[in-house]
Amino acid sequence: MTSVAMKPSNESASQAARHVPAAALDSLELLKGQKSVAIQHNGSIYRLQATKLGKLILTK
């Protein structure tokens, strides 16, 4: 039987408690039946586009 040593984490308990997972958004909800959608971020406009193969492309 092989044992594996656990590497100690560099995060303190308080840092781990403050970590909040990112919100998950469904791409179908964002696109709402469209091929692409414009996203405004920090004064810039980005385009999120769905490809025919089901991939997503984000361009500025």
PDB file of N, CA and C in Angstrom:
ATOM      1  N   MET A   1       0.846  -1.170   0.000  1.00  0.00           N
ATOM      2  CA  MET A   1       0.000   0.000   0.000  1.00  0.00           C
ATOM      3  C   MET A   1       0.892   1.235   0.000  1.00  0.00           C
ATOM      4  N   THR A   2       0.563   2.224  -0.819  1.00  0.00           N
ATOM      5  CA  THR A   2       1.352   3.439  -0.925  1.00  0.00           C
ATOM      6  C   THR A   2       0.678   4.554  -0.157  1.00  0.00           C
ATOM      7  N   SER A   3       1.453   5.278   0.638  1.00  0.00           N
ATOM      8  CA  SER A   3       0.881   6.422   1.347  1.00  0.00           C
ATOM      9  C   SER A   3       1.350   7.700   0.674  1.00  0.00           C
ATOM     10  N   VAL A   4       0.489   8.684   0.658  1.00  0.00           N
ATOM     11  CA  VAL A   4       0.791   9.963   0.032  1.00  0.00           C
ATOM     12  C   VAL A   4       0.751  11.025   1.112  1.00  0.00           C
ATOM     13  N   ALA A   5       1.834  11.781   1.242  1.00  0.00           N
ATOM     14  CA  ALA A   5       1.883  12.857   2.237  1.00  0.00           C
ATOM     15  C   ALA A   5       1.123  14.059   1.701  1.00  0.00           C
ATOM     16  N   MET A   6       0.292  14.635   2.535  1.00  0.00           N
ATOM     17  CA  MET A   6      -0.465  15.825   2.152  1.00  0.00           C
ATOM     18  C   MET A   6       0.426  17.052   2.299  1.00  0.00           C
ATOM     19  N   LYS A   7       0.465  17.897   1.283  1.00  0.00           N
ATOM     20  CA  LYS A   7       1.245  19.123   1.327  1.00  0.00           C
ATOM     21  C   LYS A   7       0.468  20.158   2.127  1.00  0.00           C
ATOM     22  N   PRO A   8       1.095  20.822   3.096  1.00  0.00           N
ATOM     23  CA  PRO A   8       0.366  21.823   3.876  1.00  0.00           C
ATOM     24  C   PRO A   8      -0.047  22.995   3.003  1.00  0.00           C
ATOM     25  N   SER A   9      -1.210  23.521   3.260  1.00  0.00           N
ATOM     26  CA  SER A   9      -1.743  24.646   2.502  1.00  0.00           C
ATOM     27  C   SER A   9      -1.091  25.938   2.971  1.00  0.00           C
ATOM     28  N   ASN A  10      -0.871  26.859   2.042  1.00  0.00           N
ATOM     29  CA  ASN A  10      -0.327  28.169   2.389  1.00  0.00           C
ATOM     30  C   ASN A  10      -1.414  29.110   2.882  1.00  0.00           C
ATOM     31  N   GLU A  11      -2.681  28.747   2.701  1.00  0.00           N
ATOM     32  CA  GLU A  11      -3.792  29.576   3.150  1.00  0.00           C
ATOM     33  C   GLU A  11      -4.060  29.347   4.625  1.00  0.00           C
ATOM     34  N   SER A  12      -4.306  30.442   5.333  1.00  0.00           N
ATOM     35  CA  SER A  12      -4.709  30.297   6.727  1.00  0.00           C
ATOM     36  C   SER A  12      -6.193  29.954   6.758  1.00  0.00           C
ATOM     37  N   ALA A  13      -6.686  29.550   7.915  1.00  0.00           N
ATOM     38  CA  ALA A  13      -8.104  29.196   8.047  1.00  0.00           C
ATOM     39  C   ALA A  13      -8.993  30.390   7.742  1.00  0.00           C
ATOM     40  N   SER A  14      -8.576  31.600   8.139  1.00  0.00           N
ATOM     41  CA  SER A  14      -9.404  32.783   7.881  1.00  0.00           C
ATOM     42  C   SER A  14      -9.439  33.116   6.397  1.00  0.00           C
ATOM     43  N   GLN A  15      -8.334  32.897   5.679  1.00  0.00           N
ATOM     44  CA  GLN A  15      -8.325  33.133   4.236  1.00  0.00           C
ATOM     45  C   GLN A  15      -9.225  32.139   3.527  1.00  0.00           C
ATOM     46  N   ALA A  16      -9.196  30.897   3.932  1.00  0.00           N
ATOM     47  CA  ALA A  16     -10.032  29.869   3.317  1.00  0.00           C
ATOM     48  C   ALA A  16     -11.502  30.151   3.569  1.00  0.00           C
ATOM     49  N   ALA A  17     -11.844  30.656   4.751  1.00  0.00           N
ATOM     50  CA  ALA A  17     -13.238  30.963   5.079  1.00  0.00           C
ATOM     51  C   ALA A  17     -13.748  32.132   4.247  1.00  0.00           C
ATOM     52  N   ARG A  18     -12.867  33.063   3.877  1.00  0.00           N
ATOM     53  CA  ARG A  18     -13.284  34.229   3.090  1.00  0.00           C
ATOM     54  C   ARG A  18     -13.406  33.921   1.607  1.00  0.00           C
ATOM     55  N   HIS A  19     -12.844  32.814   1.150  1.00  0.00           N
ATOM     56  CA  HIS A  19     -12.898  32.451  -0.272  1.00  0.00           C
ATOM     57  C   HIS A  19     -14.328  32.092  -0.649  1.00  0.00           C
ATOM     58  N   VAL A  20     -14.874  32.844  -1.596  1.00  0.00           N
ATOM     59  CA  VAL A  20     -16.231  32.597  -2.077  1.00  0.00           C
ATOM     60  C   VAL A  20     -16.124  32.161  -3.531  1.00  0.00           C
ATOM     61  N   PRO A  21     -16.707  31.019  -3.883  1.00  0.00           N
ATOM     62  CA  PRO A  21     -16.628  30.568  -5.273  1.00  0.00           C
ATOM     63  C   PRO A  21     -17.319  31.548  -6.219  1.00  0.00           C
ATOM     64  N   ALA A  22     -16.808  31.628  -7.432  1.00  0.00           N
ATOM     65  CA  ALA A  22     -17.389  32.510  -8.442  1.00  0.00           C
ATOM     66  C   ALA A  22     -18.787  32.035  -8.816  1.00  0.00           C
ATOM     67  N   ALA A  23     -19.642  32.986  -9.146  1.00  0.00           N
ATOM     68  CA  ALA A  23     -21.000  32.651  -9.573  1.00  0.00           C
ATOM     69  C   ALA A  23     -20.937  31.957 -10.935  1.00  0.00           C
ATOM     70  N   ALA A  24     -21.759  30.950 -11.128  1.00  0.00           N
ATOM     71  CA  ALA A  24     -21.829  30.239 -12.405  1.00  0.00           C
ATOM     72  C   ALA A  24     -23.058  30.711 -13.168  1.00  0.00           C
ATOM     73  N   LEU A  25     -22.850  31.134 -14.402  1.00  0.00           N
ATOM     74  CA  LEU A  25     -23.939  31.578 -15.261  1.00  0.00           C
ATOM     75  C   LEU A  25     -24.034  30.630 -16.447  1.00  0.00           C
ATOM     76  N   ASP A  26     -25.243  30.285 -16.825  1.00  0.00           N
ATOM     77  CA  ASP A  26     -25.460  29.421 -17.979  1.00  0.00           C
ATOM     78  C   ASP A  26     -25.337  30.258 -19.250  1.00  0.00           C
ATOM     79  N   SER A  27     -24.550  29.802 -20.216  1.00  0.00           N
ATOM     80  CA  SER A  27     -24.363  30.555 -21.454  1.00  0.00           C
ATOM     81  C   SER A  27     -25.674  30.744 -22.213  1.00  0.00           C
ATOM     82  N   LEU A  28     -26.576  29.773 -22.125  1.00  0.00           N
ATOM     83  CA  LEU A  28     -27.879  29.909 -22.792  1.00  0.00           C
ATOM     84  C   LEU A  28     -28.667  31.068 -22.200  1.00  0.00           C
ATOM     85  N   GLU A  29     -28.510  31.278 -20.895  1.00  0.00           N
ATOM     86  CA  GLU A  29     -29.179  32.385 -20.222  1.00  0.00           C
ATOM     87  C   GLU A  29     -28.596  33.721 -20.689  1.00  0.00           C
ATOM     88  N   LEU A  30     -27.285  33.767 -20.859  1.00  0.00           N
ATOM     89  CA  LEU A  30     -26.627  34.994 -21.317  1.00  0.00           C
ATOM     90  C   LEU A  30     -26.965  35.307 -22.773  1.00  0.00           C
ATOM     91  N   LEU A  31     -26.923  34.298 -23.626  1.00  0.00           N
ATOM     92  CA  LEU A  31     -27.131  34.514 -25.056  1.00  0.00           C
ATOM     93  C   LEU A  31     -28.606  34.656 -25.431  1.00  0.00           C
ATOM     94  N   LYS A  32     -29.494  34.060 -24.660  1.00  0.00           N
ATOM     95  CA  LYS A  32     -30.948  34.146 -24.883  1.00  0.00           C
ATOM     96  C   LYS A  32     -31.330  33.891 -26.339  1.00  0.00           C
ATOM     97  N   GLY A  33     -30.789  32.814 -26.913  1.00  0.00           N
ATOM     98  CA  GLY A  33     -31.139  32.437 -28.281  1.00  0.00           C
ATOM     99  C   GLY A  33     -30.371  33.167 -29.368  1.00  0.00           C
ATOM    100  N   GLN A  34     -29.543  34.125 -29.003  1.00  0.00           N
ATOM    101  CA  GLN A  34     -28.751  34.876 -29.980  1.00  0.00           C
ATOM    102  C   GLN A  34     -27.408  34.190 -30.189  1.00  0.00           C
ATOM    103  N   LYS A  35     -26.753  34.494 -31.306  1.00  0.00           N
ATOM    104  CA  LYS A  35     -25.428  33.939 -31.579  1.00  0.00           C
ATOM    105  C   LYS A  35     -24.348  34.656 -30.767  1.00  0.00           C
ATOM    106  N   SER A  36     -24.569  35.948 -30.478  1.00  0.00           N
ATOM    107  CA  SER A  36     -23.585  36.710 -29.715  1.00  0.00           C
ATOM    108  C   SER A  36     -24.278  37.741 -28.840  1.00  0.00           C
ATOM    109  N   VAL A  37     -23.530  38.220 -27.844  1.00  0.00           N
ATOM    110  CA  VAL A  37     -24.046  39.220 -26.921  1.00  0.00           C
ATOM    111  C   VAL A  37     -22.902  40.173 -26.574  1.00  0.00           C
ATOM    112  N   ALA A  38     -23.225  41.458 -26.381  1.00  0.00           N
ATOM    113  CA  ALA A  38     -22.226  42.450 -25.986  1.00  0.00           C
ATOM    114  C   ALA A  38     -22.191  42.528 -24.466  1.00  0.00           C
ATOM    115  N   ILE A  39     -20.965  42.602 -23.927  1.00  0.00           N
ATOM    116  CA  ILE A  39     -20.765  42.701 -22.481  1.00  0.00           C
ATOM    117  C   ILE A  39     -19.937  43.946 -22.212  1.00  0.00           C
ATOM    118  N   GLN A  40     -20.448  44.838 -21.370  1.00  0.00           N
ATOM    119  CA  GLN A  40     -19.712  46.041 -20.999  1.00  0.00           C
ATOM    120  C   GLN A  40     -18.935  45.753 -19.724  1.00  0.00           C
ATOM    121  N   HIS A  41     -17.620  46.053 -19.748  1.00  0.00           N
ATOM    122  CA  HIS A  41     -16.760  45.797 -18.596  1.00  0.00           C
ATOM    123  C   HIS A  41     -15.699  46.889 -18.501  1.00  0.00           C
ATOM    124  N   ASN A  42     -15.687  47.616 -17.395  1.00  0.00           N
ATOM    125  CA  ASN A  42     -14.694  48.679 -17.147  1.00  0.00           C
ATOM    126  C   ASN A  42     -14.582  49.659 -18.313  1.00  0.00           C
ATOM    127  N   GLY A  43     -15.708  50.061 -18.861  1.00  0.00           N
ATOM    128  CA  GLY A  43     -15.721  51.041 -19.932  1.00  0.00           C
ATOM    129  C   GLY A  43     -15.446  50.487 -21.322  1.00  0.00           C
ATOM    130  N   SER A  44     -15.221  49.200 -21.439  1.00  0.00           N
ATOM    131  CA  SER A  44     -14.981  48.574 -22.744  1.00  0.00           C
ATOM    132  C   SER A  44     -16.124  47.625 -23.075  1.00  0.00           C
ATOM    133  N   ILE A  45     -16.348  47.429 -24.364  1.00  0.00           N
ATOM    134  CA  ILE A  45     -17.375  46.503 -24.829  1.00  0.00           C
ATOM    135  C   ILE A  45     -16.689  45.239 -25.348  1.00  0.00           C
ATOM    136  N   TYR A  46     -17.136  44.100 -24.867  1.00  0.00           N
ATOM    137  CA  TYR A  46     -16.641  42.797 -25.299  1.00  0.00           C
ATOM    138  C   TYR A  46     -17.788  42.055 -25.981  1.00  0.00           C
ATOM    139  N   ARG A  47     -17.458  41.135 -26.881  1.00  0.00           N
ATOM    140  CA  ARG A  47     -18.474  40.336 -27.552  1.00  0.00           C
ATOM    141  C   ARG A  47     -18.265  38.868 -27.195  1.00  0.00           C
ATOM    142  N   LEU A  48     -19.305  38.249 -26.660  1.00  0.00           N
ATOM    143  CA  LEU A  48     -19.295  36.821 -26.365  1.00  0.00           C
ATOM    144  C   LEU A  48     -20.071  36.133 -27.472  1.00  0.00           C
ATOM    145  N   GLN A  49     -19.417  35.212 -28.167  1.00  0.00           N
ATOM    146  CA  GLN A  49     -20.019  34.565 -29.338  1.00  0.00           C
ATOM    147  C   GLN A  49     -19.982  33.053 -29.176  1.00  0.00           C
ATOM    148  N   ALA A  50     -21.088  32.405 -29.527  1.00  0.00           N
ATOM    149  CA  ALA A  50     -21.158  30.941 -29.535  1.00  0.00           C
ATOM    150  C   ALA A  50     -20.840  30.458 -30.947  1.00  0.00           C
ATOM    151  N   THR A  51     -19.978  29.454 -31.051  1.00  0.00           N
ATOM    152  CA  THR A  51     -19.617  28.905 -32.359  1.00  0.00           C
ATOM    153  C   THR A  51     -20.554  27.753 -32.723  1.00  0.00           C
ATOM    154  N   LYS A  52     -20.456  27.305 -33.962  1.00  0.00           N
ATOM    155  CA  LYS A  52     -21.273  26.176 -34.422  1.00  0.00           C
ATOM    156  C   LYS A  52     -20.908  24.881 -33.695  1.00  0.00           C
ATOM    157  N   LEU A  53     -19.675  24.815 -33.178  1.00  0.00           N
ATOM    158  CA  LEU A  53     -19.212  23.619 -32.466  1.00  0.00           C
ATOM    159  C   LEU A  53     -19.525  23.673 -30.972  1.00  0.00           C
ATOM    160  N   GLY A  54     -20.236  24.728 -30.547  1.00  0.00           N
ATOM    161  CA  GLY A  54     -20.625  24.825 -29.146  1.00  0.00           C
ATOM    162  C   GLY A  54     -19.579  25.443 -28.238  1.00  0.00           C
ATOM    163  N   LYS A  55     -18.564  26.058 -28.803  1.00  0.00           N
ATOM    164  CA  LYS A  55     -17.534  26.734 -28.019  1.00  0.00           C
ATOM    165  C   LYS A  55     -17.914  28.200 -27.857  1.00  0.00           C
ATOM    166  N   LEU A  56     -17.258  28.881 -26.914  1.00  0.00           N
ATOM    167  CA  LEU A  56     -17.483  30.302 -26.699  1.00  0.00           C
ATOM    168  C   LEU A  56     -16.220  31.080 -27.029  1.00  0.00           C
ATOM    169  N   ILE A  57     -16.400  32.251 -27.658  1.00  0.00           N
ATOM    170  CA  ILE A  57     -15.292  33.137 -27.986  1.00  0.00           C
ATOM    171  C   ILE A  57     -15.610  34.500 -27.391  1.00  0.00           C
ATOM    172  N   LEU A  58     -14.659  35.052 -26.628  1.00  0.00           N
ATOM    173  CA  LEU A  58     -14.804  36.388 -26.053  1.00  0.00           C
ATOM    174  C   LEU A  58     -13.777  37.291 -26.716  1.00  0.00           C
ATOM    175  N   THR A  59     -14.250  38.362 -27.379  1.00  0.00           N
ATOM    176  CA  THR A  59     -13.348  39.291 -28.060  1.00  0.00           C
ATOM    177  C   THR A  59     -13.621  40.707 -27.597  1.00  0.00           C
ATOM    178  N   LYS A  60     -12.595  41.543 -27.714  1.00  0.00           N
ATOM    179  CA  LYS A  60     -12.725  42.949 -27.328  1.00  0.00           C
ATOM    180  C   LYS A  60     -12.985  43.767 -28.567  1.00  0.00           C
TER     181      LYS A  60
END
